[in-house]
Amino acid sequence: MSGSGPARTDALIRRTGSARRAGWTGRRPALFVALCLAARLATPCAALADPGTAALTPFLDAVSACAGRSDLTLAVVGLDPGQSALSREQAEEVRLAAETRLQATGRVRLGAAADVVRIKALREGTTGLSASEAEAQIRAAFAGDASVFLVDARRAGDTAAFRLQAITKAADCKATSEPVVVPIRTGPGVSDVDAVMESAVRALDAAVPNAGRIDICPFATDGGHSSCAGALTDRLAIALDAEARAPNRILKGGRLEVRRHPPGATCPDSGLTARGRFLTDQARQFWMELEFQRDGTVVAPTGRRRIGVEGLGCDPTPRPFLDHVAATAPTDGARLSVSAVSAPFARGERLEMRIDAKARQSLYCWVLAPDETAFVALPVRGNPASQAPLAPGTARRYPRGYGLDEIVASEPFENLFACFGVEGGLPPELAARWLEAAPAAGAESRLLQPAEVLDLIDRIRRVPGVTEATARITVR
């Protein structure tokens, strides 16, 4: 959440009327949502693993056979430091992408790979370890089931290909995946930003040479929200992770724990933190500021640095929250679309949204307010119709098409109705978070606060294959 985002509205809403008609007033931003939704039957459907990770199934089956268990804890070590196909930042970007792919399967817990990297570096460094000594120390250092190395790395334009190779803790069993392809950021803008980040990290190392932990606070956007703030946070995390895993640091016994806070989170006041801003001037030039603080005192600032954004894959335009969500949504009208039956609705008119699914998918819909709060609308716990995947060619009205009560707004407001569509459902952890906030028979939706809303947007949009559709709800 940016420091200068949209002002909070003073609109008042309250639920009144019969079971067939409702309006809202209360001391919170107006949110169009059926807070008491009728439902009759049983339990939520189990969420399926994301289909974009299906290619990893044979690999994980082989690792499970090696480890003798299905619930795996893996440490993703990454590429060999001596490889030349990718830069240091790109290599770390690829390692993080591999972690994301593995975690999205719902079958893997990620273990810390720092100690495995340390032993590997010591064995390959000037001090040296014998094979038996390295194996013994790896067994002592890593309590997980296997370490995962990225091998056979190749770059083709803005993608990188590699194989995952898992070696069990005892080094007595190995499994290798088919090639995995992930996007990487390229272009002059990426090079500019990475150079600024690398310089900033060197300045931090000079100012605080024995830093053991750093908290990354999300970049803020002056004047609203921009996806470039998230892209800059990504590049900073990559630069710090690369530094934490650098062989020189490891050989000297230095440990650096990098903790990234989710979008909208409050930055800690103590300890070592990184805080940044993204700015756009009237000439449409783009700038960034980054400073490292220790217990609130600035120790290594970059000052304002002009940057390019080419290749970062972000929209630099600062926008109010609802406009930002709609503008950055990964839409695909050939798969999913939503629209308001009326634009705008009149006071006293029945509020209704049309959902058109052109492909089979599970839906996760919510209503967002200008102050960055939200309510989950679909699915409804205990309502099988709302939890069943939509078949291709399905057109349904919300709320009546799901057997839910009508909604009638009594006062003017503006919200955003947004739906995520995923062919096999969200990964289990995300699906559980979503359903925990969802309405149920006789129970209202939980009001999601800005930090949780921004975090959910960020995490769900990272799910491979997700589609998003949005429509403005305006009552005059």
Protein backbone atom coordinates (compact mmCIF):
# COMPACT_ATOMS: atom_id res chain seq x y z
CA MET A 1 0.00 0.00 0.00
CA SER A 2 1.48 3.29 -1.04
CA GLY A 3 2.01 6.05 1.44
CA SER A 4 -0.10 8.47 -0.58
CA GLY A 5 -2.87 6.21 -1.88
CA PRO A 6 -6.57 7.00 -2.19
CA ALA A 7 -8.17 8.67 0.80
CA ARG A 8 -10.55 6.54 2.84
CA THR A 9 -14.18 7.17 2.13
CA ASP A 10 -16.67 8.07 4.84
CA ALA A 11 -19.59 6.28 3.15
CA LEU A 12 -21.84 4.58 5.68
CA ILE A 13 -23.48 1.23 5.15
CA ARG A 14 -25.87 -0.91 7.16
CA ARG A 15 -27.71 -4.11 6.36
CA THR A 16 -31.47 -3.61 6.53
CA GLY A 17 -34.67 -5.05 5.09
CA SER A 18 -36.03 -8.55 4.61
CA ALA A 19 -34.30 -11.72 3.51
CA ARG A 20 -35.16 -10.78 -0.07
CA ARG A 21 -33.92 -7.16 -0.14
CA ALA A 22 -30.93 -5.59 1.52
CA GLY A 23 -29.08 -2.28 1.69
CA TRP A 24 -25.98 -1.37 3.73
CA THR A 25 -24.78 1.39 6.04
CA GLY A 26 -21.99 1.40 8.64
CA ARG A 27 -18.74 3.09 9.61
CA ARG A 28 -16.67 1.52 6.80
CA PRO A 29 -16.29 1.99 3.04
CA ALA A 30 -19.31 0.88 1.04
CA LEU A 31 -18.86 -2.69 -0.07
CA PHE A 32 -21.42 -4.42 -2.24
CA VAL A 33 -21.61 -7.98 -0.97
CA ALA A 34 -24.22 -10.44 0.26
CA LEU A 35 -23.26 -10.62 3.89
CA CYS A 36 -25.88 -13.17 4.91
CA LEU A 37 -26.11 -15.69 2.09
CA ALA A 38 -28.51 -18.62 2.02
CA ALA A 39 -26.93 -22.05 1.87
CA ARG A 40 -28.16 -25.58 2.47
CA LEU A 41 -25.52 -28.24 2.03
CA ALA A 42 -22.26 -29.56 3.08
CA THR A 43 -18.57 -28.91 2.96
CA PRO A 44 -16.21 -27.07 0.66
CA CYS A 45 -14.72 -28.86 -2.34
CA ALA A 46 -11.06 -29.67 -1.97
CA ALA A 47 -8.85 -27.35 -3.95
CA LEU A 48 -6.78 -28.99 -6.67
CA ALA A 49 -3.11 -28.35 -7.33
CA ASP A 50 -2.43 -25.69 -9.91
CA PRO A 51 -2.37 -27.19 -13.44
CA GLY A 52 0.67 -25.13 -14.39
CA THR A 53 2.78 -27.33 -12.13
CA ALA A 54 1.58 -30.66 -13.55
CA ALA A 55 4.86 -31.15 -15.44
CA LEU A 56 6.66 -31.46 -12.10
CA THR A 57 4.56 -34.43 -10.97
CA PRO A 58 6.88 -37.17 -12.32
CA PHE A 59 9.88 -35.41 -10.78
CA LEU A 60 8.23 -35.11 -7.36
CA ASP A 61 7.04 -38.72 -7.57
CA ALA A 62 10.65 -39.78 -8.15
CA VAL A 63 11.90 -37.62 -5.26
CA SER A 64 9.21 -39.09 -2.99
CA ALA A 65 10.32 -42.59 -3.97
CA CYS A 66 13.93 -41.64 -3.14
CA ALA A 67 12.99 -40.09 0.20
CA GLY A 68 10.42 -42.74 1.11
CA ARG A 69 7.74 -40.18 1.93
CA SER A 70 5.15 -38.08 0.08
CA ASP A 71 5.31 -34.88 2.16
CA LEU A 72 8.62 -33.43 1.06
CA THR A 73 10.85 -30.72 2.49
CA LEU A 74 13.24 -29.50 -0.21
CA ALA A 75 16.01 -26.91 -0.26
CA VAL A 76 16.45 -25.27 -3.65
CA VAL A 77 20.19 -24.62 -3.86
CA GLY A 78 20.16 -23.11 -7.35
CA LEU A 79 22.67 -22.94 -10.19
CA ASP A 80 26.37 -23.64 -9.93
CA PRO A 81 28.21 -20.38 -9.15
CA GLY A 82 30.57 -21.05 -12.05
CA GLN A 83 27.87 -21.17 -14.75
CA SER A 84 28.00 -18.46 -17.41
CA ALA A 85 24.58 -18.72 -19.07
CA LEU A 86 22.97 -16.23 -16.66
CA SER A 87 24.09 -13.24 -14.64
CA ARG A 88 24.17 -13.48 -10.85
CA GLU A 89 20.83 -11.66 -10.59
CA GLN A 90 19.23 -13.78 -13.32
CA ALA A 91 20.48 -16.96 -11.64
CA GLU A 92 18.83 -15.93 -8.38
CA GLU A 93 15.66 -14.93 -10.27
CA VAL A 94 15.54 -18.41 -11.78
CA ARG A 95 16.11 -20.08 -8.40
CA LEU A 96 13.23 -18.13 -6.88
CA ALA A 97 11.02 -19.07 -9.84
CA ALA A 98 11.87 -22.74 -9.27
CA GLU A 99 10.89 -22.40 -5.61
CA THR A 100 7.58 -20.83 -6.62
CA ARG A 101 6.84 -23.63 -9.09
CA LEU A 102 7.59 -26.31 -6.51
CA GLN A 103 5.57 -24.63 -3.77
CA ALA A 104 2.58 -24.20 -6.09
CA THR A 105 2.27 -27.98 -6.41
CA GLY A 106 1.03 -28.17 -2.82
CA ARG A 107 3.35 -31.15 -2.23
CA VAL A 108 6.48 -29.37 -1.07
CA ARG A 109 7.67 -27.41 1.94
CA LEU A 110 10.72 -25.29 1.31
CA GLY A 111 13.70 -25.67 3.60
CA ALA A 112 16.48 -23.15 4.09
CA ALA A 113 19.31 -23.93 1.69
CA ALA A 114 21.90 -21.61 3.28
CA ASP A 115 23.82 -24.36 5.05
CA VAL A 116 23.88 -26.59 1.97
CA VAL A 117 25.24 -23.67 -0.06
CA ARG A 118 27.84 -23.01 2.65
CA ILE A 119 29.14 -26.58 2.58
CA LYS A 120 29.15 -26.63 -1.23
CA ALA A 121 31.12 -23.38 -1.34
CA LEU A 122 33.60 -24.59 1.24
CA ARG A 123 34.20 -27.78 -0.68
CA GLU A 124 34.80 -25.86 -3.92
CA GLY A 125 36.73 -22.99 -2.28
CA THR A 126 40.34 -22.68 -1.30
CA THR A 127 39.89 -24.22 2.16
CA GLY A 128 38.46 -27.42 0.67
CA LEU A 129 36.63 -30.39 2.11
CA SER A 130 36.91 -34.01 1.12
CA ALA A 131 33.84 -35.67 -0.36
CA SER A 132 33.20 -37.65 2.83
CA GLU A 133 33.60 -34.56 5.02
CA ALA A 134 31.24 -32.55 2.78
CA GLU A 135 28.66 -35.34 2.85
CA ALA A 136 28.83 -35.59 6.63
CA GLN A 137 28.43 -31.85 7.07
CA ILE A 138 25.54 -31.69 4.59
CA ARG A 139 23.75 -34.39 6.60
CA ALA A 140 24.28 -32.35 9.76
CA ALA A 141 23.41 -29.01 8.15
CA PHE A 142 20.20 -29.89 6.34
CA ALA A 143 17.32 -31.66 8.05
CA GLY A 144 15.11 -31.86 4.95
CA ASP A 145 14.53 -34.71 2.52
CA ALA A 146 16.61 -33.52 -0.44
CA SER A 147 18.50 -30.59 -1.87
CA VAL A 148 17.55 -29.43 -5.38
CA PHE A 149 20.16 -28.16 -7.81
CA LEU A 150 19.38 -26.42 -11.11
CA VAL A 151 21.45 -28.01 -13.88
CA ASP A 152 21.87 -27.73 -17.67
CA ALA A 153 20.91 -24.03 -17.62
CA ARG A 154 20.41 -22.36 -20.99
CA ARG A 155 19.14 -18.92 -21.90
CA ALA A 156 17.04 -18.13 -24.98
CA GLY A 157 16.03 -14.46 -25.20
CA ASP A 158 13.83 -13.64 -22.23
CA THR A 159 13.49 -17.23 -20.99
CA ALA A 160 15.77 -19.65 -19.16
CA ALA A 161 15.61 -23.43 -19.35
CA PHE A 162 17.05 -25.83 -16.78
CA ARG A 163 16.46 -29.18 -15.10
CA LEU A 164 15.79 -29.80 -11.42
CA GLN A 165 18.10 -32.38 -9.90
CA ALA A 166 17.27 -33.56 -6.40
CA ILE A 167 19.84 -35.39 -4.26
CA THR A 168 18.70 -36.93 -1.00
CA LYS A 169 20.24 -36.05 2.32
CA ALA A 170 22.30 -39.23 2.38
CA ALA A 171 23.42 -38.62 -1.24
CA ASP A 172 22.29 -42.16 -2.10
CA CYS A 173 19.46 -41.33 -4.53
CA LYS A 174 19.02 -38.78 -7.31
CA ALA A 175 16.05 -37.61 -9.42
CA THR A 176 16.17 -35.29 -12.43
CA SER A 177 13.26 -33.45 -14.03
CA GLU A 178 12.40 -32.76 -17.63
CA PRO A 179 13.44 -29.27 -18.81
CA VAL A 180 11.69 -26.40 -17.02
CA VAL A 181 11.29 -23.05 -18.77
CA VAL A 182 10.74 -19.81 -16.84
CA PRO A 183 10.68 -16.15 -17.94
CA ILE A 184 13.51 -13.85 -16.93
CA ARG A 185 13.65 -10.07 -17.01
CA THR A 186 15.85 -8.62 -19.73
CA GLY A 187 16.39 -5.24 -21.36
CA PRO A 188 18.11 -1.92 -20.63
CA GLY A 189 15.66 -1.02 -17.86
CA VAL A 190 16.41 -4.26 -16.02
CA SER A 191 20.16 -3.70 -16.39
CA ASP A 192 19.81 -0.13 -15.07
CA VAL A 193 17.80 -1.22 -12.05
CA ASP A 194 20.03 -4.20 -11.27
CA ALA A 195 23.09 -1.94 -11.41
CA VAL A 196 21.49 0.46 -8.90
CA MET A 197 20.48 -2.43 -6.63
CA GLU A 198 23.92 -4.04 -6.78
CA SER A 199 25.59 -0.72 -5.95
CA ALA A 200 23.17 -0.20 -3.06
CA VAL A 201 23.90 -3.67 -1.67
CA ARG A 202 27.66 -3.00 -1.85
CA ALA A 203 27.13 0.27 0.04
CA LEU A 204 25.09 -1.60 2.65
CA ASP A 205 27.84 -4.20 3.05
CA ALA A 206 30.38 -1.40 3.59
CA ALA A 207 28.15 0.39 6.12
CA VAL A 208 27.00 -2.74 7.98
CA PRO A 209 29.59 -5.44 7.20
CA ASN A 210 28.33 -7.97 9.72
CA ALA A 211 24.60 -7.71 8.98
CA GLY A 212 22.87 -10.97 9.85
CA ARG A 213 19.31 -10.15 8.78
CA ILE A 214 17.51 -7.59 6.67
CA ASP A 215 13.77 -6.96 6.24
CA ILE A 216 12.64 -5.81 2.79
CA CYS A 217 9.68 -3.47 2.96
CA PRO A 218 7.61 -3.18 -0.24
CA PHE A 219 8.43 -0.22 -2.47
CA ALA A 220 5.80 2.52 -2.30
CA THR A 221 4.52 4.52 -5.28
CA ASP A 222 4.17 8.26 -5.01
CA GLY A 223 0.67 9.34 -6.00
CA GLY A 224 -1.09 5.98 -5.90
CA HIS A 225 -0.25 2.44 -6.99
CA SER A 226 1.99 1.15 -9.76
CA SER A 227 3.06 -2.40 -10.56
CA CYS A 228 6.60 -1.03 -10.98
CA ALA A 229 6.84 -0.75 -7.19
CA GLY A 230 6.39 -4.51 -6.97
CA ALA A 231 8.89 -5.06 -9.79
CA LEU A 232 11.49 -2.95 -7.97
CA THR A 233 10.86 -4.88 -4.76
CA ASP A 234 11.45 -8.09 -6.74
CA ARG A 235 14.77 -6.83 -8.10
CA LEU A 236 15.93 -5.73 -4.64
CA ALA A 237 15.04 -9.13 -3.19
CA ILE A 238 16.98 -10.81 -5.99
CA ALA A 239 20.03 -8.60 -5.39
CA LEU A 240 20.00 -9.24 -1.63
CA ASP A 241 19.40 -12.98 -2.05
CA ALA A 242 22.28 -13.16 -4.51
CA GLU A 243 24.52 -11.36 -2.00
CA ALA A 244 23.42 -13.67 0.82
CA ARG A 245 24.38 -16.69 -1.30
CA ALA A 246 27.62 -15.27 -2.74
CA PRO A 247 30.54 -17.71 -2.24
CA ASN A 248 32.83 -14.93 -0.95
CA ARG A 249 30.40 -14.08 1.83
CA ILE A 250 29.89 -17.73 2.69
CA LEU A 251 33.60 -18.53 2.74
CA LYS A 252 34.14 -15.66 5.21
CA GLY A 253 31.47 -17.12 7.50
CA GLY A 254 28.94 -14.37 6.83
CA ARG A 255 25.26 -15.17 7.09
CA LEU A 256 22.57 -12.84 5.78
CA GLU A 257 18.93 -13.73 6.29
CA VAL A 258 16.69 -11.85 3.84
CA ARG A 259 13.04 -11.47 4.82
CA ARG A 260 10.60 -9.93 2.38
CA HIS A 261 7.41 -8.41 3.76
CA PRO A 262 4.25 -8.82 1.67
CA PRO A 263 2.58 -5.86 -0.10
CA GLY A 264 0.76 -3.59 2.34
CA ALA A 265 2.65 -4.87 5.37
CA THR A 266 3.87 -2.46 8.04
CA CYS A 267 7.62 -2.01 7.97
CA PRO A 268 9.37 -2.82 11.27
CA ASP A 269 10.85 0.10 13.20
CA SER A 270 13.83 -1.83 14.55
CA GLY A 271 16.59 -3.89 13.02
CA LEU A 272 17.99 -3.52 9.52
CA THR A 273 15.39 -2.63 6.89
CA ALA A 274 15.25 -1.68 3.21
CA ARG A 275 12.69 0.92 2.14
CA GLY A 276 12.14 2.26 -1.36
CA ARG A 277 9.95 4.54 -3.44
CA PHE A 278 9.02 4.66 -7.12
CA LEU A 279 8.33 8.08 -8.60
CA THR A 280 7.14 9.52 -11.92
CA ASP A 281 7.69 13.17 -12.77
CA GLN A 282 5.65 15.45 -15.05
CA ALA A 283 7.94 14.66 -18.00
CA ARG A 284 7.14 10.94 -17.57
CA GLN A 285 10.64 10.18 -16.36
CA PHE A 286 10.96 7.42 -13.78
CA TRP A 287 12.95 7.48 -10.57
CA MET A 288 13.64 5.29 -7.59
CA GLU A 289 14.89 5.93 -4.08
CA LEU A 290 16.23 3.24 -1.77
CA GLU A 291 17.58 3.53 1.72
CA PHE A 292 18.73 1.01 4.29
CA GLN A 293 17.92 1.84 7.89
CA ARG A 294 19.18 0.37 11.17
CA ASP A 295 16.86 0.97 14.09
CA GLY A 296 15.32 3.91 12.22
CA THR A 297 18.64 5.56 11.27
CA VAL A 298 19.55 5.75 7.59
CA VAL A 299 22.88 3.99 6.99
CA ALA A 300 23.08 3.58 3.21
CA PRO A 301 20.85 5.73 0.96
CA THR A 302 20.97 5.70 -2.84
CA GLY A 303 19.45 9.14 -3.27
CA ARG A 304 17.02 9.68 -6.15
CA ARG A 305 18.17 7.70 -9.19
CA ARG A 306 16.65 7.93 -12.66
CA ILE A 307 15.84 4.50 -14.08
CA GLY A 308 14.33 2.90 -17.15
CA VAL A 309 11.43 0.48 -16.81
CA GLU A 310 11.84 -1.35 -20.14
CA GLY A 311 11.84 -5.08 -19.56
CA LEU A 312 10.56 -4.89 -15.98
CA GLY A 313 7.11 -5.98 -17.15
CA CYS A 314 5.32 -3.28 -15.16
CA ASP A 315 2.98 -0.35 -15.75
CA PRO A 316 4.62 2.83 -14.39
CA THR A 317 1.41 4.89 -14.29
CA PRO A 318 0.37 5.73 -10.69
CA ARG A 319 -3.35 5.07 -10.21
CA PRO A 320 -5.98 4.96 -7.46
CA PHE A 321 -6.40 1.48 -6.00
CA LEU A 322 -9.44 0.24 -7.95
CA ASP A 323 -8.08 1.58 -11.23
CA HIS A 324 -4.74 -0.08 -10.49
CA VAL A 325 -6.31 -3.48 -9.78
CA ALA A 326 -8.37 -3.34 -12.99
CA ALA A 327 -5.49 -2.08 -15.15
CA THR A 328 -2.99 -4.70 -13.99
CA ALA A 329 -5.32 -7.72 -13.94
CA PRO A 330 -4.13 -10.65 -16.10
CA THR A 331 -7.31 -10.70 -18.19
CA ASP A 332 -8.23 -13.16 -20.93
CA GLY A 333 -11.66 -12.46 -22.40
CA ALA A 334 -11.50 -15.77 -24.27
CA ARG A 335 -11.63 -17.56 -20.90
CA LEU A 336 -13.51 -15.33 -18.43
CA SER A 337 -15.39 -12.04 -18.32
CA VAL A 338 -17.60 -10.26 -15.79
CA SER A 339 -19.88 -7.25 -16.22
CA ALA A 340 -22.42 -5.22 -14.29
CA VAL A 341 -26.03 -5.64 -15.46
CA SER A 342 -26.41 -1.85 -15.16
CA ALA A 343 -23.75 0.84 -15.47
CA PRO A 344 -24.42 2.67 -13.28
CA PHE A 345 -27.02 1.18 -10.95
CA ALA A 346 -29.68 3.48 -9.53
CA ARG A 347 -30.38 3.64 -5.82
CA GLY A 348 -32.97 1.02 -4.97
CA GLU A 349 -32.11 -1.06 -8.04
CA ARG A 350 -31.27 -4.73 -7.64
CA LEU A 351 -27.50 -5.21 -7.95
CA GLU A 352 -26.48 -8.02 -10.23
CA MET A 353 -23.29 -9.14 -11.98
CA ARG A 354 -22.97 -11.34 -15.05
CA ILE A 355 -20.21 -13.97 -15.12
CA ASP A 356 -19.30 -15.58 -18.47
CA ALA A 357 -16.97 -18.58 -18.44
CA LYS A 358 -15.62 -19.69 -21.80
CA ALA A 359 -13.41 -22.42 -20.33
CA ARG A 360 -13.72 -24.84 -17.45
CA GLN A 361 -12.48 -23.15 -14.28
CA SER A 362 -13.06 -22.67 -10.58
CA LEU A 363 -14.03 -19.13 -9.57
CA TYR A 364 -12.87 -16.99 -6.67
CA CYS A 365 -14.72 -13.66 -6.62
CA TRP A 366 -14.56 -10.71 -4.27
CA VAL A 367 -15.60 -7.08 -3.98
CA LEU A 368 -12.94 -4.42 -3.42
CA ALA A 369 -13.39 -0.92 -2.01
CA PRO A 370 -11.38 2.24 -2.78
CA ASP A 371 -9.70 2.05 0.66
CA GLU A 372 -8.18 -1.36 -0.25
CA THR A 373 -10.48 -3.45 1.94
CA ALA A 374 -12.50 -6.32 0.45
CA PHE A 375 -15.10 -9.04 1.01
CA VAL A 376 -15.04 -12.50 -0.54
CA ALA A 377 -18.24 -13.11 -2.54
CA LEU A 378 -17.62 -16.56 -4.07
CA PRO A 379 -17.41 -19.38 -3.32
CA VAL A 380 -19.76 -19.63 -0.34
CA ARG A 381 -18.88 -22.21 2.27
CA GLY A 382 -21.59 -24.85 2.42
CA ASN A 383 -23.03 -23.87 -0.98
CA PRO A 384 -22.08 -26.54 -3.55
CA ALA A 385 -23.36 -24.49 -6.51
CA SER A 386 -20.84 -21.74 -5.75
CA GLN A 387 -17.96 -24.18 -5.34
CA ALA A 388 -18.46 -26.27 -8.47
CA PRO A 389 -16.22 -25.41 -11.46
CA LEU A 390 -17.98 -23.62 -14.30
CA ALA A 391 -18.22 -25.49 -17.58
CA PRO A 392 -17.25 -23.82 -20.88
CA GLY A 393 -20.03 -21.59 -22.19
CA THR A 394 -21.61 -21.03 -18.77
CA ALA A 395 -23.24 -17.66 -18.13
CA ARG A 396 -24.40 -17.02 -14.59
CA ARG A 397 -25.76 -14.07 -12.62
CA TYR A 398 -24.44 -13.17 -9.18
CA PRO A 399 -26.03 -13.42 -6.64
CA ARG A 400 -29.30 -14.98 -7.88
CA GLY A 401 -27.66 -17.54 -10.16
CA TYR A 402 -26.09 -19.11 -7.08
CA GLY A 403 -29.32 -19.32 -5.10
CA LEU A 404 -28.34 -16.36 -2.95
CA ASP A 405 -30.41 -13.45 -1.66
CA GLU A 406 -30.98 -10.38 -3.77
CA ILE A 407 -28.94 -7.27 -3.02
CA VAL A 408 -30.34 -3.75 -3.25
CA ALA A 409 -28.08 -0.76 -2.56
CA SER A 410 -29.60 2.15 -0.68
CA GLU A 411 -26.77 4.70 -1.10
CA PRO A 412 -24.28 5.77 -3.80
CA PHE A 413 -20.91 4.04 -3.86
CA GLU A 414 -18.29 2.62 -6.19
CA ASN A 415 -16.58 -0.76 -5.80
CA LEU A 416 -14.87 -3.31 -8.03
CA PHE A 417 -16.18 -6.84 -8.59
CA ALA A 418 -13.27 -9.12 -9.51
CA CYS A 419 -13.01 -12.85 -10.17
CA PHE A 420 -10.00 -15.14 -10.48
CA GLY A 421 -10.45 -18.19 -12.70
CA VAL A 422 -8.21 -21.24 -12.28
CA GLU A 423 -8.73 -24.44 -14.22
CA GLY A 424 -7.98 -26.83 -11.37
CA GLY A 425 -8.52 -24.49 -8.43
CA LEU A 426 -6.05 -22.46 -6.39
CA PRO A 427 -3.14 -24.23 -4.69
CA PRO A 428 -4.32 -25.67 -1.35
CA GLU A 429 -2.74 -23.02 0.89
CA LEU A 430 -4.26 -20.13 -1.07
CA ALA A 431 -7.61 -21.88 -1.40
CA ALA A 432 -7.73 -22.38 2.37
CA ARG A 433 -6.96 -18.69 3.00
CA TRP A 434 -9.68 -17.64 0.57
CA LEU A 435 -12.34 -19.95 2.02
CA GLU A 436 -11.47 -18.93 5.56
CA ALA A 437 -12.61 -15.39 4.69
CA ALA A 438 -15.62 -16.49 2.63
CA PRO A 439 -19.23 -16.24 3.74
CA ALA A 440 -21.16 -19.28 4.91
CA ALA A 441 -24.74 -20.15 5.76
CA GLY A 442 -25.63 -17.81 8.61
CA ALA A 443 -22.16 -16.22 8.69
CA GLU A 444 -20.89 -13.03 7.07
CA SER A 445 -17.75 -12.62 5.04
CA ARG A 446 -14.75 -11.45 7.02
CA LEU A 447 -13.65 -7.92 6.14
CA LEU A 448 -10.18 -8.26 4.61
CA GLN A 449 -7.79 -5.47 5.59
CA PRO A 450 -5.50 -3.75 3.06
CA ALA A 451 -2.36 -5.74 3.87
CA GLU A 452 -4.17 -9.05 3.37
CA VAL A 453 -5.92 -7.83 0.21
CA LEU A 454 -2.66 -6.72 -1.41
CA ASP A 455 -0.92 -9.93 -0.37
CA LEU A 456 -3.70 -12.10 -1.84
CA ILE A 457 -3.64 -10.17 -5.11
CA ASP A 458 0.12 -10.62 -5.35
CA ARG A 459 0.09 -14.34 -4.51
CA ILE A 460 -2.89 -15.33 -6.64
CA ARG A 461 -1.61 -13.45 -9.68
CA ARG A 462 1.61 -15.44 -9.42
CA VAL A 463 -0.27 -18.73 -9.82
CA PRO A 464 0.52 -20.08 -13.31
CA GLY A 465 -2.48 -20.03 -15.63
CA VAL A 466 -4.69 -17.77 -13.52
CA THR A 467 -7.15 -15.49 -15.33
CA GLU A 468 -8.75 -12.40 -13.78
CA ALA A 469 -11.79 -10.39 -14.81
CA THR A 470 -13.07 -7.17 -13.25
CA ALA A 471 -16.10 -4.91 -13.53
CA ARG A 472 -16.94 -1.62 -11.82
CA ILE A 473 -19.97 -1.48 -9.53
CA THR A 474 -21.26 2.08 -9.50
CA VAL A 475 -24.41 3.21 -7.70
CA ARG A 476 -25.61 6.78 -8.36
